[in-house]
């Protein structure tokens, strides 16, 4: 099983697309709302170097944005 985290905001369209993709594929993930959680927002910036969402981390590899091809490759699906 992969360690999947997504840093997102409630109004982010690409964040919703990423979460729907994970649900369709049966991928468990941990979600952090960086709009309301300032500590997680800072953590996201430290890991990715930016404020844009989504930031998806799969087994410590950072994917910026909803790059379905890269995400699928990292998950082996």
C-alpha atoms as a PDB file:
ATOM      1  CA  UNK A   1       0.000   0.000   0.000  1.00  0.00           C
ATOM      2  CA  UNK A   2       1.195   3.494  -0.851  1.00  0.00           C
ATOM      3  CA  UNK A   3       1.405   6.459   1.508  1.00  0.00           C
ATOM      4  CA  UNK A   4      -0.698   9.117  -0.248  1.00  0.00           C
ATOM      5  CA  UNK A   5      -1.292  12.643   1.025  1.00  0.00           C
ATOM      6  CA  UNK A   6      -3.114  15.487  -0.701  1.00  0.00           C
ATOM      7  CA  UNK A   7      -2.857  19.111   0.319  1.00  0.00           C
ATOM      8  CA  UNK A   8      -5.952  20.882  -0.985  1.00  0.00           C
ATOM      9  CA  UNK A   9      -8.565  23.583  -0.498  1.00  0.00           C
ATOM     10  CA  UNK A  10     -12.357  23.144  -0.511  1.00  0.00           C
ATOM     11  CA  UNK A  11     -12.864  25.198  -3.704  1.00  0.00           C
ATOM     12  CA  UNK A  12     -10.031  23.708  -5.798  1.00  0.00           C
ATOM     13  CA  UNK A  13     -11.435  21.993  -8.906  1.00  0.00           C
ATOM     14  CA  UNK A  14      -8.273  19.964  -9.581  1.00  0.00           C
ATOM     15  CA  UNK A  15      -8.195  18.864  -5.930  1.00  0.00           C
ATOM     16  CA  UNK A  16     -11.710  17.443  -6.314  1.00  0.00           C
ATOM     17  CA  UNK A  17     -10.671  15.700  -9.534  1.00  0.00           C
ATOM     18  CA  UNK A  18      -7.668  14.121  -7.784  1.00  0.00           C
ATOM     19  CA  UNK A  19      -9.775  12.897  -4.854  1.00  0.00           C
ATOM     20  CA  UNK A  20     -12.404  11.466  -7.221  1.00  0.00           C
ATOM     21  CA  UNK A  21      -9.629   9.678  -9.126  1.00  0.00           C
ATOM     22  CA  UNK A  22      -8.284   8.171  -5.884  1.00  0.00           C
ATOM     23  CA  UNK A  23     -11.774   7.020  -4.877  1.00  0.00           C
ATOM     24  CA  UNK A  24     -12.446   5.466  -8.296  1.00  0.00           C
ATOM     25  CA  UNK A  25      -9.152   3.561  -8.096  1.00  0.00           C
ATOM     26  CA  UNK A  26      -9.619   2.519  -4.449  1.00  0.00           C
ATOM     27  CA  UNK A  27      -6.579   4.501  -3.278  1.00  0.00           C
ATOM     28  CA  UNK A  28      -6.596   5.460   0.376  1.00  0.00           C
ATOM     29  CA  UNK A  29      -5.276   8.929   1.083  1.00  0.00           C
ATOM     30  CA  UNK A  30      -4.933  11.507   3.810  1.00  0.00           C
ATOM     31  CA  UNK A  31      -6.299  14.951   3.002  1.00  0.00           C
ATOM     32  CA  UNK A  32      -5.093  18.227   4.478  1.00  0.00           C
ATOM     33  CA  UNK A  33      -7.143  21.415   4.034  1.00  0.00           C
ATOM     34  CA  UNK A  34      -4.457  24.081   3.746  1.00  0.00           C
ATOM     35  CA  UNK A  35      -7.054  26.862   3.778  1.00  0.00           C
ATOM     36  CA  UNK A  36      -7.919  26.193   7.421  1.00  0.00           C
ATOM     37  CA  UNK A  37      -4.781  24.364   8.649  1.00  0.00           C
ATOM     38  CA  UNK A  38      -1.899  26.851   8.698  1.00  0.00           C
ATOM     39  CA  UNK A  39       0.630  24.293   9.948  1.00  0.00           C
ATOM     40  CA  UNK A  40      -0.169  21.955   7.034  1.00  0.00           C
ATOM     41  CA  UNK A  41      -0.008  24.910   4.611  1.00  0.00           C
ATOM     42  CA  UNK A  42       3.519  25.664   5.854  1.00  0.00           C
ATOM     43  CA  UNK A  43       4.447  21.977   5.606  1.00  0.00           C
ATOM     44  CA  UNK A  44       3.159  21.912   2.001  1.00  0.00           C
ATOM     45  CA  UNK A  45       5.246  24.974   1.077  1.00  0.00           C
ATOM     46  CA  UNK A  46       8.350  23.424   2.660  1.00  0.00           C
ATOM     47  CA  UNK A  47       7.858  20.184   0.694  1.00  0.00           C
ATOM     48  CA  UNK A  48       6.810  21.669  -2.647  1.00  0.00           C
ATOM     49  CA  UNK A  49       8.196  25.196  -2.673  1.00  0.00           C
ATOM     50  CA  UNK A  50       4.841  26.687  -3.633  1.00  0.00           C
ATOM     51  CA  UNK A  51       1.352  27.653  -2.458  1.00  0.00           C
ATOM     52  CA  UNK A  52      -0.608  26.205  -5.395  1.00  0.00           C
ATOM     53  CA  UNK A  53      -2.847  23.196  -4.798  1.00  0.00           C
ATOM     54  CA  UNK A  54      -3.197  20.330  -5.114  1.00  0.00           C
ATOM     55  CA  UNK A  55       0.131  19.091  -3.885  1.00  0.00           C
ATOM     56  CA  UNK A  56       0.078  15.295  -3.797  1.00  0.00           C
ATOM     57  CA  UNK A  57       2.740  13.255  -2.076  1.00  0.00           C
ATOM     58  CA  UNK A  58       3.019   9.568  -2.916  1.00  0.00           C
ATOM     59  CA  UNK A  59       5.655   7.649  -0.956  1.00  0.00           C
ATOM     60  CA  UNK A  60       7.604  10.899  -0.373  1.00  0.00           C
ATOM     61  CA  UNK A  61       7.527  11.869  -4.091  1.00  0.00           C
ATOM     62  CA  UNK A  62       5.917  15.268  -4.709  1.00  0.00           C
ATOM     63  CA  UNK A  63       3.426  15.760  -7.550  1.00  0.00           C
ATOM     64  CA  UNK A  64       2.289  19.331  -8.132  1.00  0.00           C
ATOM     65  CA  UNK A  65      -1.181  19.598  -9.621  1.00  0.00           C
ATOM     66  CA  UNK A  66      -3.412  16.772 -10.797  1.00  0.00           C
ATOM     67  CA  UNK A  67      -0.970  15.019 -13.139  1.00  0.00           C
ATOM     68  CA  UNK A  68      -2.941  11.823 -13.670  1.00  0.00           C
ATOM     69  CA  UNK A  69      -0.182  10.140 -15.679  1.00  0.00           C
ATOM     70  CA  UNK A  70       2.473  10.781 -13.038  1.00  0.00           C
ATOM     71  CA  UNK A  71       0.111   9.768 -10.226  1.00  0.00           C
ATOM     72  CA  UNK A  72      -0.837   6.541 -12.002  1.00  0.00           C
ATOM     73  CA  UNK A  73       2.821   5.756 -12.624  1.00  0.00           C
ATOM     74  CA  UNK A  74       3.773   6.292  -8.987  1.00  0.00           C
ATOM     75  CA  UNK A  75       0.843   4.163  -7.813  1.00  0.00           C
ATOM     76  CA  UNK A  76       1.455   1.435 -10.403  1.00  0.00           C
ATOM     77  CA  UNK A  77      -2.092   1.626 -11.786  1.00  0.00           C
END
